[in-house]
Amino acid sequence: MEQVKTTGNDMDDFDDAELEELYSWIDGIPLSRPKRNIARDFSDGVLVAEIVRQYFPQIIQMHNYSPANSTPQKKENWNVLNRKVFTKLGFELGDDVMRDVITAKPGVIEKVLMMLRTKLNRAEWELKKQTQTKSKGGGGRKESDKPEADQYMGSPRGKGMKQDTSRGYLQDYKKDRTDARPDYPSIPKHKIIRSIAESDAVPRILFEEKEQECLAKDETIRILEAKIHRMEHLIHLKDVRIDDLQNRLETMRPTGVRR
């Protein structure tokens, strides 16, 4: 079971590309509150529960989480999330992390959300893999007949949720940046890994190790591609600035001396 850990200054653990990608992901999810300050907005755990509901509605009951300003109620919300939701996804929060999230310590909620995003993507991938295995095995069950699907899946993402059209965290994070993140799939297909998993000659532990390596490399690729898009945007801005200066220079250049 993985644990989210904090350091002295948690914001120093991120670079701009990682934060931009995370904020873009959050901005793409319809939430019930306007997005203003990420540390305060997520301090009571309600928006985290809404994110989980977007992916796997069957493992979350929103009536268990009440919007709160008081520390005891916030702590209760996070304890329920930790006990009933995060453990199903394969991680948990320590008491110190929950305390820092509740008090809106900068950088801590970002660590929690990054871990949550990774685990949600992995759970989606595992569910898809199980579904494909069942379809190959014959029988062609309907989705409502799949035990694994019943554990996670429910209504489509965003159903019944309020779409938030206010300014997102990405715009608040850097006013001179744009969301250039491409439309990534949640988790890419690993054809090679599937072929390894289907072979009885390969130990299960080796398959798990290779699978983890692929997931880590996929995350690195996404971060690097986000950096490339950011650099391309900066180059474009510089080109625009150069053109503007050249135009000003042309207008200031004397056209001739009148007599």
Protein backbone atom coordinates (compact mmCIF):
# COMPACT_ATOMS: atom_id res chain seq x y z
CA MET A 1 0.00 0.00 0.00
CA GLU A 2 1.58 3.26 -1.12
CA GLN A 3 1.59 6.33 1.09
CA VAL A 4 1.72 10.00 0.12
CA LYS A 5 4.58 11.72 1.95
CA THR A 6 5.30 15.40 2.51
CA THR A 7 8.53 17.35 2.77
CA GLY A 8 9.57 20.70 4.15
CA ASN A 9 8.56 22.72 1.09
CA ASP A 10 6.32 20.54 -1.06
CA MET A 11 6.03 22.99 -3.95
CA ASP A 12 9.77 22.53 -4.60
CA ASP A 13 9.07 18.89 -5.52
CA PHE A 14 7.30 19.92 -8.76
CA ASP A 15 8.39 21.58 -11.96
CA ASP A 16 6.15 23.85 -14.02
CA ALA A 17 5.25 21.16 -16.56
CA GLU A 18 4.03 18.73 -13.88
CA LEU A 19 1.87 21.40 -12.24
CA GLU A 20 0.45 22.61 -15.55
CA GLU A 21 -0.48 19.06 -16.53
CA LEU A 22 -2.12 18.42 -13.14
CA TYR A 23 -4.09 21.67 -13.21
CA SER A 24 -5.20 20.97 -16.79
CA TRP A 25 -6.48 17.56 -15.68
CA ILE A 26 -8.46 19.10 -12.81
CA ASP A 27 -9.83 21.89 -15.01
CA GLY A 28 -11.13 19.25 -17.42
CA ILE A 29 -13.31 17.67 -14.71
CA PRO A 30 -16.69 19.30 -13.97
CA LEU A 31 -16.88 20.09 -10.26
CA SER A 32 -19.69 21.50 -8.12
CA ARG A 33 -17.76 24.59 -6.94
CA PRO A 34 -16.04 27.46 -8.74
CA LYS A 35 -12.27 26.94 -8.93
CA ARG A 36 -10.36 29.64 -7.10
CA ASN A 37 -7.62 28.36 -4.79
CA ILE A 38 -6.70 24.70 -5.09
CA ALA A 39 -5.43 24.25 -1.52
CA ARG A 40 -8.55 25.76 0.06
CA ASP A 41 -10.99 24.31 -2.49
CA PHE A 42 -9.89 20.73 -1.79
CA SER A 43 -9.28 21.05 1.95
CA ASP A 44 -12.56 19.39 2.97
CA GLY A 45 -12.20 16.43 0.57
CA VAL A 46 -15.54 16.92 -1.19
CA LEU A 47 -14.04 17.81 -4.58
CA VAL A 48 -11.70 14.82 -4.31
CA ALA A 49 -14.75 12.60 -3.84
CA GLU A 50 -16.33 14.20 -6.93
CA ILE A 51 -13.21 13.41 -8.99
CA VAL A 52 -13.39 9.75 -7.94
CA ARG A 53 -17.10 9.70 -8.83
CA GLN A 54 -16.19 10.87 -12.34
CA TYR A 55 -14.12 7.70 -12.82
CA PHE A 56 -15.75 5.03 -10.64
CA PRO A 57 -19.17 6.07 -9.29
CA GLN A 58 -19.79 2.69 -7.66
CA ILE A 59 -17.02 3.06 -5.07
CA ILE A 60 -18.12 6.48 -3.81
CA GLN A 61 -21.23 7.65 -1.97
CA MET A 62 -21.34 11.44 -2.04
CA HIS A 63 -23.74 11.66 0.93
CA ASN A 64 -20.78 10.61 3.13
CA TYR A 65 -18.96 13.89 2.39
CA SER A 66 -20.27 17.23 3.62
CA PRO A 67 -18.87 20.64 2.60
CA ALA A 68 -17.15 21.97 5.70
CA ASN A 69 -15.23 24.87 7.18
CA SER A 70 -14.60 23.24 10.55
CA THR A 71 -11.50 21.13 11.04
CA PRO A 72 -13.33 18.16 12.66
CA GLN A 73 -15.75 17.76 9.73
CA LYS A 74 -12.92 18.10 7.19
CA LYS A 75 -10.98 15.44 9.05
CA GLU A 76 -14.01 13.14 9.06
CA ASN A 77 -14.39 13.53 5.27
CA TRP A 78 -10.75 12.64 4.69
CA ASN A 79 -10.90 9.69 7.08
CA VAL A 80 -13.84 8.25 5.13
CA LEU A 81 -12.02 8.79 1.83
CA ASN A 82 -8.91 7.13 3.21
CA ARG A 83 -10.78 4.14 4.62
CA LYS A 84 -13.45 3.49 1.96
CA VAL A 85 -11.95 4.79 -1.28
CA PHE A 86 -8.18 5.22 -1.32
CA THR A 87 -7.53 1.74 0.04
CA LYS A 88 -9.51 0.27 -2.88
CA LEU A 89 -7.23 2.18 -5.26
CA GLY A 90 -4.04 0.97 -3.56
CA PHE A 91 -2.81 3.92 -1.50
CA GLU A 92 -3.50 5.79 1.72
CA LEU A 93 -2.76 9.11 3.42
CA GLY A 94 -0.91 9.45 6.69
CA ASP A 95 -2.27 11.60 9.51
CA ASP A 96 0.38 14.26 8.81
CA VAL A 97 -0.65 14.50 5.14
CA MET A 98 -4.35 14.81 6.02
CA ARG A 99 -3.51 17.50 8.56
CA ASP A 100 -1.52 19.48 5.97
CA VAL A 101 -4.31 19.15 3.40
CA ILE A 102 -6.94 20.31 5.90
CA THR A 103 -4.83 23.36 6.82
CA ALA A 104 -4.25 24.11 3.10
CA LYS A 105 -0.47 23.78 3.25
CA PRO A 106 0.87 24.69 -0.23
CA GLY A 107 1.93 21.79 -2.41
CA VAL A 108 0.41 18.95 -0.36
CA ILE A 109 -2.93 18.64 -2.18
CA GLU A 110 -0.99 18.56 -5.46
CA LYS A 111 0.88 15.46 -4.24
CA VAL A 112 -2.37 13.81 -3.21
CA LEU A 113 -4.02 14.58 -6.54
CA MET A 114 -1.04 13.31 -8.53
CA MET A 115 -1.16 10.02 -6.65
CA LEU A 116 -4.94 9.86 -7.09
CA ARG A 117 -4.68 10.47 -10.84
CA THR A 118 -2.06 7.72 -11.22
CA LYS A 119 -4.17 5.20 -9.28
CA LEU A 120 -7.37 6.07 -11.14
CA ASN A 121 -5.63 5.64 -14.48
CA ARG A 122 -4.19 2.31 -13.39
CA ALA A 123 -7.59 1.09 -12.17
CA GLU A 124 -9.14 2.07 -15.50
CA TRP A 125 -6.43 0.20 -17.36
CA GLU A 126 -6.86 -2.91 -15.18
CA LEU A 127 -10.61 -2.86 -15.73
CA LYS A 128 -10.16 -2.51 -19.48
CA LYS A 129 -7.69 -5.40 -19.49
CA GLN A 130 -10.12 -7.61 -17.56
CA THR A 131 -12.92 -6.71 -19.96
CA GLN A 132 -10.76 -7.59 -22.98
CA THR A 133 -9.77 -10.91 -21.40
CA LYS A 134 -13.40 -11.80 -20.81
CA SER A 135 -14.36 -10.91 -24.38
CA LYS A 136 -11.53 -13.10 -25.72
CA GLY A 137 -12.59 -15.98 -23.48
CA GLY A 138 -16.03 -16.09 -25.12
CA GLY A 139 -19.47 -15.35 -23.84
CA GLY A 140 -19.60 -11.65 -24.62
CA ARG A 141 -21.19 -10.59 -21.34
CA LYS A 142 -23.04 -7.36 -21.05
CA GLU A 143 -21.34 -4.73 -18.95
CA SER A 144 -23.92 -5.13 -16.17
CA ASP A 145 -22.93 -8.83 -15.88
CA LYS A 146 -19.23 -8.23 -15.24
CA PRO A 147 -18.25 -8.59 -11.56
CA GLU A 148 -15.10 -6.50 -11.99
CA ALA A 149 -17.01 -3.79 -13.77
CA ASP A 150 -19.62 -3.74 -10.99
CA GLN A 151 -16.86 -3.03 -8.53
CA TYR A 152 -15.90 0.21 -10.23
CA MET A 153 -18.05 1.31 -13.12
CA GLY A 154 -21.39 3.09 -12.99
CA SER A 155 -22.92 6.01 -14.83
CA PRO A 156 -20.84 7.87 -17.46
CA ARG A 157 -18.42 10.48 -16.23
CA GLY A 158 -19.94 13.79 -15.36
CA LYS A 159 -23.56 12.58 -15.38
CA GLY A 160 -25.67 14.73 -13.09
CA MET A 161 -22.76 16.97 -12.16
CA LYS A 162 -22.64 20.72 -12.53
CA GLN A 163 -20.29 21.98 -15.23
CA ASP A 164 -17.93 24.62 -13.87
CA THR A 165 -17.29 27.39 -16.38
CA SER A 166 -15.22 29.64 -14.11
CA ARG A 167 -11.51 30.25 -14.44
CA GLY A 168 -9.52 27.13 -13.74
CA TYR A 169 -6.36 26.46 -11.76
CA LEU A 170 -4.17 26.46 -14.86
CA GLN A 171 -5.07 30.06 -15.72
CA ASP A 172 -4.57 31.13 -12.11
CA TYR A 173 -1.21 29.34 -11.92
CA LYS A 174 0.47 31.15 -14.83
CA LYS A 175 -1.34 33.95 -16.67
CA ASP A 176 1.16 33.88 -19.53
CA ARG A 177 0.86 30.11 -20.07
CA THR A 178 -1.72 28.24 -22.15
CA ASP A 179 -3.06 24.74 -21.76
CA ALA A 180 -1.18 22.99 -24.56
CA ARG A 181 -1.61 19.48 -23.21
CA PRO A 182 -2.59 17.08 -26.00
CA ASP A 183 -5.57 14.79 -25.70
CA TYR A 184 -3.86 11.84 -24.03
CA PRO A 185 -5.68 8.59 -23.40
CA SER A 186 -6.01 7.79 -19.72
CA ILE A 187 -3.56 4.88 -20.02
CA PRO A 188 -2.07 3.76 -23.37
CA LYS A 189 -2.40 0.17 -24.58
CA HIS A 190 0.58 -2.07 -23.92
CA LYS A 191 0.41 -4.77 -26.55
CA ILE A 192 3.77 -6.19 -25.53
CA ILE A 193 2.77 -6.43 -21.88
CA ARG A 194 -0.46 -8.19 -22.79
CA SER A 195 1.45 -10.77 -24.78
CA ILE A 196 3.76 -11.34 -21.82
CA ALA A 197 0.80 -11.69 -19.44
CA GLU A 198 -0.79 -14.32 -21.67
CA SER A 199 2.33 -16.49 -21.64
CA ASP A 200 2.54 -19.09 -18.89
CA ALA A 201 6.32 -19.20 -19.27
CA VAL A 202 6.78 -15.73 -17.71
CA PRO A 203 6.46 -15.42 -13.90
CA ARG A 204 3.70 -13.13 -12.64
CA ILE A 205 6.15 -11.01 -10.64
CA LEU A 206 8.14 -10.25 -13.80
CA PHE A 207 4.95 -9.17 -15.56
CA GLU A 208 4.08 -6.83 -12.69
CA GLU A 209 7.57 -5.30 -12.72
CA LYS A 210 7.45 -4.67 -16.48
CA GLU A 211 3.98 -3.26 -16.17
CA GLN A 212 5.09 -0.77 -13.54
CA GLU A 213 8.07 0.23 -15.69
CA CYS A 214 5.77 0.93 -18.64
CA LEU A 215 3.43 3.04 -16.52
CA ALA A 216 6.35 5.07 -15.17
CA LYS A 217 7.71 5.62 -18.69
CA ASP A 218 4.28 6.66 -19.94
CA GLU A 219 4.09 9.30 -17.21
CA THR A 220 7.58 10.57 -18.11
CA ILE A 221 6.60 10.78 -21.78
CA ARG A 222 3.50 12.81 -20.94
CA ILE A 223 5.53 15.24 -18.87
CA LEU A 224 8.17 15.65 -21.59
CA GLU A 225 5.54 16.20 -24.26
CA ALA A 226 3.92 18.86 -22.09
CA LYS A 227 7.30 20.59 -21.81
CA ILE A 228 7.73 20.45 -25.59
CA HIS A 229 4.35 22.07 -26.14
CA ARG A 230 5.18 24.75 -23.61
CA MET A 231 8.47 25.54 -25.35
CA GLU A 232 6.72 25.68 -28.73
CA HIS A 233 4.27 28.17 -27.29
CA LEU A 234 7.07 30.33 -25.90
CA ILE A 235 8.85 30.28 -29.25
CA HIS A 236 5.63 31.38 -30.94
CA LEU A 237 5.27 34.27 -28.48
CA LYS A 238 8.83 35.38 -29.18
CA ASP A 239 8.19 35.27 -32.95
CA VAL A 240 5.12 37.44 -32.49
CA ARG A 241 7.14 39.87 -30.41
CA ILE A 242 9.89 40.04 -33.03
CA ASP A 243 7.35 40.75 -35.78
CA ASP A 244 5.80 43.49 -33.67
CA LEU A 245 9.17 45.15 -33.07
CA GLN A 246 10.02 44.97 -36.77
CA ASN A 247 6.72 46.62 -37.66
CA ARG A 248 7.38 49.41 -35.17
CA LEU A 249 10.84 49.89 -36.60
CA GLU A 250 9.41 50.24 -40.11
CA THR A 251 6.89 52.87 -39.01
CA MET A 252 9.60 54.90 -37.25
CA ARG A 253 12.01 54.81 -40.19
CA PRO A 254 12.06 58.19 -42.09
CA THR A 255 10.60 58.01 -45.63
CA GLY A 256 12.38 61.10 -46.98
CA VAL A 257 13.19 64.78 -46.31
CA ARG A 258 10.66 67.36 -47.43
CA ARG A 259 11.90 70.64 -49.03
